[in-house]
N, C-alpha and C. Protein backbone atom coordinates (compact mmCIF):
# COMPACT_ATOMS: atom_id res chain seq x y z
N MET A 1 0.70 28.11 -8.37
CA MET A 1 1.94 27.83 -7.68
C MET A 1 2.65 26.68 -8.40
N THR A 2 3.90 26.87 -8.68
CA THR A 2 4.67 25.82 -9.34
C THR A 2 5.18 24.83 -8.30
N GLU A 3 5.62 23.69 -8.78
CA GLU A 3 6.18 22.68 -7.89
C GLU A 3 7.35 23.22 -7.10
N HIS A 4 8.13 24.08 -7.71
CA HIS A 4 9.33 24.61 -7.06
C HIS A 4 8.98 25.50 -5.87
N ASN A 5 7.81 26.13 -5.89
CA ASN A 5 7.41 27.02 -4.81
C ASN A 5 6.55 26.33 -3.77
N ALA A 6 6.12 25.13 -4.03
CA ALA A 6 5.23 24.43 -3.10
C ALA A 6 6.01 24.01 -1.86
N ALA A 7 5.32 24.11 -0.72
CA ALA A 7 5.94 23.66 0.53
C ALA A 7 6.09 22.14 0.47
N PRO A 8 7.18 21.62 1.05
CA PRO A 8 7.35 20.17 1.03
C PRO A 8 6.24 19.49 1.82
N LEU A 9 5.82 18.35 1.33
CA LEU A 9 4.79 17.60 2.03
C LEU A 9 5.40 16.92 3.24
N PRO A 10 4.64 16.82 4.32
CA PRO A 10 5.18 16.17 5.52
C PRO A 10 5.35 14.67 5.29
N GLU A 11 6.30 14.10 5.99
CA GLU A 11 6.48 12.65 5.95
C GLU A 11 5.23 12.00 6.55
N ILE A 12 4.91 10.81 6.10
CA ILE A 12 3.75 10.10 6.62
C ILE A 12 4.14 8.65 6.86
N SER A 13 3.92 8.18 8.05
CA SER A 13 4.23 6.79 8.38
C SER A 13 3.11 5.88 7.88
N LEU A 14 3.39 4.61 7.87
CA LEU A 14 2.36 3.65 7.46
C LEU A 14 1.16 3.74 8.40
N GLY A 15 1.42 3.86 9.70
CA GLY A 15 0.32 3.98 10.67
C GLY A 15 -0.48 5.25 10.46
N ASP A 16 0.21 6.36 10.19
CA ASP A 16 -0.48 7.63 9.93
C ASP A 16 -1.34 7.51 8.66
N PHE A 17 -0.80 6.86 7.65
CA PHE A 17 -1.53 6.69 6.40
C PHE A 17 -2.78 5.83 6.64
N GLN A 18 -2.63 4.77 7.40
CA GLN A 18 -3.78 3.90 7.67
C GLN A 18 -4.86 4.69 8.41
N GLN A 19 -4.46 5.50 9.37
CA GLN A 19 -5.44 6.32 10.10
C GLN A 19 -6.09 7.35 9.18
N LEU A 20 -5.31 7.96 8.31
CA LEU A 20 -5.84 8.94 7.35
C LEU A 20 -6.89 8.29 6.46
N ILE A 21 -6.59 7.12 5.92
CA ILE A 21 -7.55 6.42 5.06
C ILE A 21 -8.80 6.05 5.86
N ARG A 22 -8.61 5.61 7.10
CA ARG A 22 -9.74 5.26 7.96
C ARG A 22 -10.66 6.47 8.17
N GLU A 23 -10.04 7.63 8.46
CA GLU A 23 -10.82 8.84 8.70
C GLU A 23 -11.53 9.32 7.43
N MET A 24 -10.84 9.25 6.29
CA MET A 24 -11.41 9.74 5.04
C MET A 24 -12.53 8.86 4.51
N TYR A 25 -12.31 7.54 4.58
CA TYR A 25 -13.18 6.63 3.86
C TYR A 25 -13.79 5.52 4.70
N GLY A 26 -13.52 5.49 6.00
CA GLY A 26 -13.90 4.36 6.83
C GLY A 26 -15.36 3.96 6.75
N GLU A 27 -16.25 4.95 6.79
CA GLU A 27 -17.69 4.65 6.75
C GLU A 27 -18.07 4.01 5.42
N LYS A 28 -17.61 4.59 4.33
CA LYS A 28 -17.90 4.05 2.99
C LYS A 28 -17.30 2.66 2.84
N ASP A 29 -16.07 2.49 3.32
CA ASP A 29 -15.37 1.21 3.19
C ASP A 29 -16.09 0.11 3.96
N ALA A 30 -16.53 0.41 5.17
CA ALA A 30 -17.24 -0.58 5.97
C ALA A 30 -18.55 -0.97 5.29
N ALA A 31 -19.24 0.00 4.71
CA ALA A 31 -20.50 -0.30 4.02
C ALA A 31 -20.27 -1.14 2.77
N ARG A 32 -19.17 -0.90 2.06
CA ARG A 32 -18.84 -1.64 0.84
C ARG A 32 -18.42 -3.06 1.17
N GLY A 33 -17.69 -3.21 2.28
CA GLY A 33 -17.24 -4.53 2.70
C GLY A 33 -15.98 -4.97 1.99
N VAL A 34 -15.48 -6.12 2.43
CA VAL A 34 -14.22 -6.64 1.91
C VAL A 34 -14.34 -7.03 0.44
N ASP A 35 -15.41 -7.72 0.06
CA ASP A 35 -15.52 -8.20 -1.33
C ASP A 35 -15.52 -7.04 -2.33
N GLY A 36 -16.33 -6.01 -2.08
CA GLY A 36 -16.37 -4.87 -2.98
C GLY A 36 -15.06 -4.10 -3.00
N THR A 37 -14.45 -3.98 -1.84
CA THR A 37 -13.18 -3.27 -1.73
C THR A 37 -12.08 -4.03 -2.44
N PHE A 38 -12.09 -5.34 -2.32
CA PHE A 38 -11.08 -6.16 -3.00
C PHE A 38 -11.18 -5.99 -4.51
N MET A 39 -12.39 -5.87 -5.04
CA MET A 39 -12.54 -5.67 -6.49
C MET A 39 -11.93 -4.33 -6.92
N TRP A 40 -12.07 -3.29 -6.09
CA TRP A 40 -11.44 -2.00 -6.40
C TRP A 40 -9.92 -2.14 -6.38
N LEU A 41 -9.39 -2.90 -5.42
CA LEU A 41 -7.95 -3.13 -5.36
C LEU A 41 -7.46 -3.80 -6.65
N ILE A 42 -8.17 -4.81 -7.09
CA ILE A 42 -7.78 -5.52 -8.31
C ILE A 42 -7.81 -4.57 -9.51
N GLU A 43 -8.82 -3.71 -9.59
CA GLU A 43 -8.89 -2.75 -10.68
C GLU A 43 -7.67 -1.82 -10.65
N GLU A 44 -7.30 -1.37 -9.46
CA GLU A 44 -6.14 -0.49 -9.33
C GLU A 44 -4.85 -1.21 -9.67
N ILE A 45 -4.75 -2.48 -9.34
CA ILE A 45 -3.56 -3.25 -9.72
C ILE A 45 -3.46 -3.32 -11.25
N GLY A 46 -4.59 -3.47 -11.92
CA GLY A 46 -4.60 -3.45 -13.38
C GLY A 46 -4.12 -2.11 -13.93
N GLU A 47 -4.56 -1.03 -13.30
CA GLU A 47 -4.12 0.30 -13.73
C GLU A 47 -2.62 0.49 -13.47
N LEU A 48 -2.13 -0.07 -12.37
CA LEU A 48 -0.69 -0.01 -12.10
C LEU A 48 0.08 -0.79 -13.16
N ALA A 49 -0.44 -1.96 -13.53
CA ALA A 49 0.23 -2.76 -14.56
C ALA A 49 0.34 -1.97 -15.87
N ALA A 50 -0.73 -1.28 -16.24
CA ALA A 50 -0.71 -0.48 -17.46
C ALA A 50 0.29 0.67 -17.34
N ALA A 51 0.33 1.32 -16.18
CA ALA A 51 1.27 2.42 -15.98
C ALA A 51 2.71 1.93 -16.02
N LEU A 52 2.97 0.75 -15.48
CA LEU A 52 4.32 0.20 -15.52
C LEU A 52 4.76 -0.09 -16.94
N ARG A 53 3.83 -0.49 -17.80
CA ARG A 53 4.15 -0.79 -19.19
C ARG A 53 4.38 0.47 -20.01
N GLU A 54 3.52 1.47 -19.82
CA GLU A 54 3.59 2.60 -20.75
C GLU A 54 3.34 3.97 -20.12
N GLY A 55 3.25 4.04 -18.82
CA GLY A 55 2.94 5.30 -18.17
C GLY A 55 4.17 6.13 -17.85
N SER A 56 3.89 7.37 -17.54
CA SER A 56 4.95 8.28 -17.10
C SER A 56 5.29 7.99 -15.64
N HIS A 57 6.34 8.60 -15.17
CA HIS A 57 6.72 8.46 -13.76
C HIS A 57 5.57 8.93 -12.86
N ALA A 58 4.94 10.04 -13.23
CA ALA A 58 3.80 10.56 -12.46
C ALA A 58 2.64 9.57 -12.45
N ASP A 59 2.37 8.93 -13.60
CA ASP A 59 1.31 7.91 -13.66
C ASP A 59 1.62 6.76 -12.70
N LYS A 60 2.86 6.31 -12.73
CA LYS A 60 3.27 5.20 -11.86
C LYS A 60 3.12 5.58 -10.39
N MET A 61 3.55 6.78 -10.03
CA MET A 61 3.42 7.23 -8.64
C MET A 61 1.96 7.22 -8.21
N GLU A 62 1.09 7.73 -9.06
CA GLU A 62 -0.34 7.79 -8.74
C GLU A 62 -0.92 6.40 -8.54
N GLU A 63 -0.57 5.48 -9.42
CA GLU A 63 -1.13 4.13 -9.33
C GLU A 63 -0.56 3.35 -8.14
N PHE A 64 0.72 3.54 -7.82
CA PHE A 64 1.26 2.91 -6.60
C PHE A 64 0.51 3.43 -5.38
N ALA A 65 0.25 4.73 -5.34
CA ALA A 65 -0.48 5.31 -4.21
C ALA A 65 -1.89 4.74 -4.13
N ASP A 66 -2.55 4.58 -5.27
CA ASP A 66 -3.91 4.03 -5.28
C ASP A 66 -3.93 2.59 -4.79
N VAL A 67 -2.98 1.78 -5.25
CA VAL A 67 -2.92 0.38 -4.80
C VAL A 67 -2.69 0.33 -3.30
N LEU A 68 -1.78 1.14 -2.80
CA LEU A 68 -1.52 1.15 -1.37
C LEU A 68 -2.77 1.60 -0.59
N ALA A 69 -3.48 2.59 -1.11
CA ALA A 69 -4.69 3.08 -0.44
C ALA A 69 -5.77 1.99 -0.37
N TRP A 70 -5.98 1.28 -1.46
CA TRP A 70 -7.01 0.23 -1.45
C TRP A 70 -6.59 -0.95 -0.60
N LEU A 71 -5.31 -1.30 -0.59
CA LEU A 71 -4.83 -2.36 0.29
C LEU A 71 -5.02 -1.95 1.75
N THR A 72 -4.74 -0.70 2.05
CA THR A 72 -4.92 -0.16 3.39
C THR A 72 -6.40 -0.18 3.78
N THR A 73 -7.26 0.13 2.84
CA THR A 73 -8.70 0.10 3.09
C THR A 73 -9.14 -1.30 3.50
N ILE A 74 -8.66 -2.31 2.79
CA ILE A 74 -9.03 -3.69 3.14
C ILE A 74 -8.52 -4.02 4.54
N ALA A 75 -7.32 -3.60 4.86
CA ALA A 75 -6.79 -3.84 6.21
C ALA A 75 -7.69 -3.17 7.25
N ASN A 76 -8.13 -1.96 6.98
CA ASN A 76 -9.03 -1.28 7.92
C ASN A 76 -10.34 -2.03 8.08
N VAL A 77 -10.94 -2.46 6.99
CA VAL A 77 -12.20 -3.19 7.07
C VAL A 77 -12.03 -4.47 7.87
N GLU A 78 -10.88 -5.11 7.73
CA GLU A 78 -10.60 -6.37 8.43
C GLU A 78 -10.02 -6.17 9.84
N GLY A 79 -9.76 -4.92 10.22
CA GLY A 79 -9.21 -4.65 11.54
C GLY A 79 -7.75 -5.05 11.69
N ILE A 80 -7.00 -4.95 10.61
CA ILE A 80 -5.58 -5.30 10.61
C ILE A 80 -4.75 -4.04 10.78
N ASP A 81 -3.87 -4.02 11.75
CA ASP A 81 -2.91 -2.93 11.95
C ASP A 81 -1.72 -3.23 11.03
N LEU A 82 -1.59 -2.47 9.96
CA LEU A 82 -0.54 -2.75 8.98
C LEU A 82 0.86 -2.58 9.55
N THR A 83 1.05 -1.60 10.41
CA THR A 83 2.37 -1.41 11.01
C THR A 83 2.76 -2.66 11.79
N ARG A 84 1.85 -3.17 12.57
CA ARG A 84 2.14 -4.38 13.35
C ARG A 84 2.37 -5.57 12.43
N ALA A 85 1.53 -5.72 11.41
CA ALA A 85 1.66 -6.85 10.48
C ALA A 85 3.02 -6.83 9.79
N VAL A 86 3.44 -5.66 9.32
CA VAL A 86 4.74 -5.54 8.64
C VAL A 86 5.88 -5.79 9.62
N ARG A 87 5.77 -5.22 10.80
CA ARG A 87 6.83 -5.40 11.80
C ARG A 87 6.97 -6.88 12.17
N GLU A 88 5.84 -7.55 12.41
CA GLU A 88 5.90 -8.96 12.81
C GLU A 88 6.40 -9.86 11.68
N LYS A 89 6.07 -9.54 10.45
CA LYS A 89 6.48 -10.39 9.31
C LYS A 89 7.91 -10.10 8.86
N TYR A 90 8.29 -8.82 8.79
CA TYR A 90 9.57 -8.44 8.19
C TYR A 90 10.54 -7.73 9.13
N GLY A 91 10.12 -7.41 10.34
CA GLY A 91 10.93 -6.62 11.26
C GLY A 91 12.23 -7.27 11.68
N ALA A 92 12.29 -8.60 11.69
CA ALA A 92 13.51 -9.30 12.10
C ALA A 92 14.31 -9.80 10.89
N GLY A 93 13.91 -9.41 9.69
CA GLY A 93 14.60 -9.85 8.47
C GLY A 93 13.67 -10.62 7.57
N CYS A 94 14.25 -11.24 6.56
CA CYS A 94 13.49 -12.03 5.59
C CYS A 94 12.75 -13.14 6.32
N PRO A 95 11.46 -13.29 6.07
CA PRO A 95 10.71 -14.36 6.73
C PRO A 95 11.16 -15.77 6.30
N GLY A 96 11.86 -15.88 5.18
CA GLY A 96 12.34 -17.18 4.72
C GLY A 96 13.64 -17.59 5.36
N CYS A 97 14.64 -16.71 5.30
CA CYS A 97 15.98 -17.05 5.79
C CYS A 97 16.35 -16.34 7.08
N GLY A 98 15.59 -15.32 7.46
CA GLY A 98 15.85 -14.60 8.69
C GLY A 98 16.96 -13.57 8.58
N GLN A 99 17.53 -13.37 7.40
CA GLN A 99 18.64 -12.44 7.21
C GLN A 99 18.11 -11.05 6.84
N THR A 100 18.89 -10.02 7.18
CA THR A 100 18.52 -8.65 6.81
C THR A 100 18.59 -8.48 5.30
N ILE A 101 19.58 -9.07 4.67
CA ILE A 101 19.65 -9.13 3.21
C ILE A 101 19.32 -10.57 2.84
N CYS A 102 18.23 -10.76 2.12
CA CYS A 102 17.72 -12.10 1.82
C CYS A 102 18.77 -12.99 1.16
N ARG A 103 18.89 -14.19 1.69
CA ARG A 103 19.79 -15.20 1.13
C ARG A 103 19.02 -16.41 0.61
N CYS A 104 17.70 -16.27 0.50
CA CYS A 104 16.88 -17.38 -0.01
C CYS A 104 17.26 -17.69 -1.45
N SER A 105 17.09 -18.94 -1.83
CA SER A 105 17.29 -19.35 -3.22
C SER A 105 16.33 -18.56 -4.12
N ASP A 106 16.75 -18.24 -5.32
CA ASP A 106 15.89 -17.54 -6.26
C ASP A 106 14.62 -18.32 -6.57
N ALA A 107 14.66 -19.64 -6.39
CA ALA A 107 13.49 -20.47 -6.65
C ALA A 107 12.46 -20.35 -5.53
N GLU A 108 12.87 -19.86 -4.37
CA GLU A 108 11.97 -19.72 -3.24
C GLU A 108 11.28 -18.37 -3.25
N LYS A 109 10.11 -18.33 -2.67
CA LYS A 109 9.40 -17.07 -2.49
C LYS A 109 9.72 -16.56 -1.09
N PRO A 110 10.53 -15.50 -0.97
CA PRO A 110 10.88 -15.00 0.38
C PRO A 110 9.70 -14.40 1.09
């Protein structure tokens, strides 16, 4: 089946993704723990860096997905609801200036 004939993939929310990762890998992730999981995240960040330098668009997409998956795994191991964390930190605007479009100085980390 070619890409043109494939059915579109359903949308997935951050919460749905976190639950999917929990269901797929939760037991393995809990056994590995935060330290081991964090090392996998760092490895994937390295692979993303390489893809950003010289990879194809498909390579970049794959590595972004991997980094997000490993970050989500750490959140699951730590019992962090990512939807809530994102909403509380960024839901009302930039955490630095409070604006919907950041007005922080370029020297500041928003």
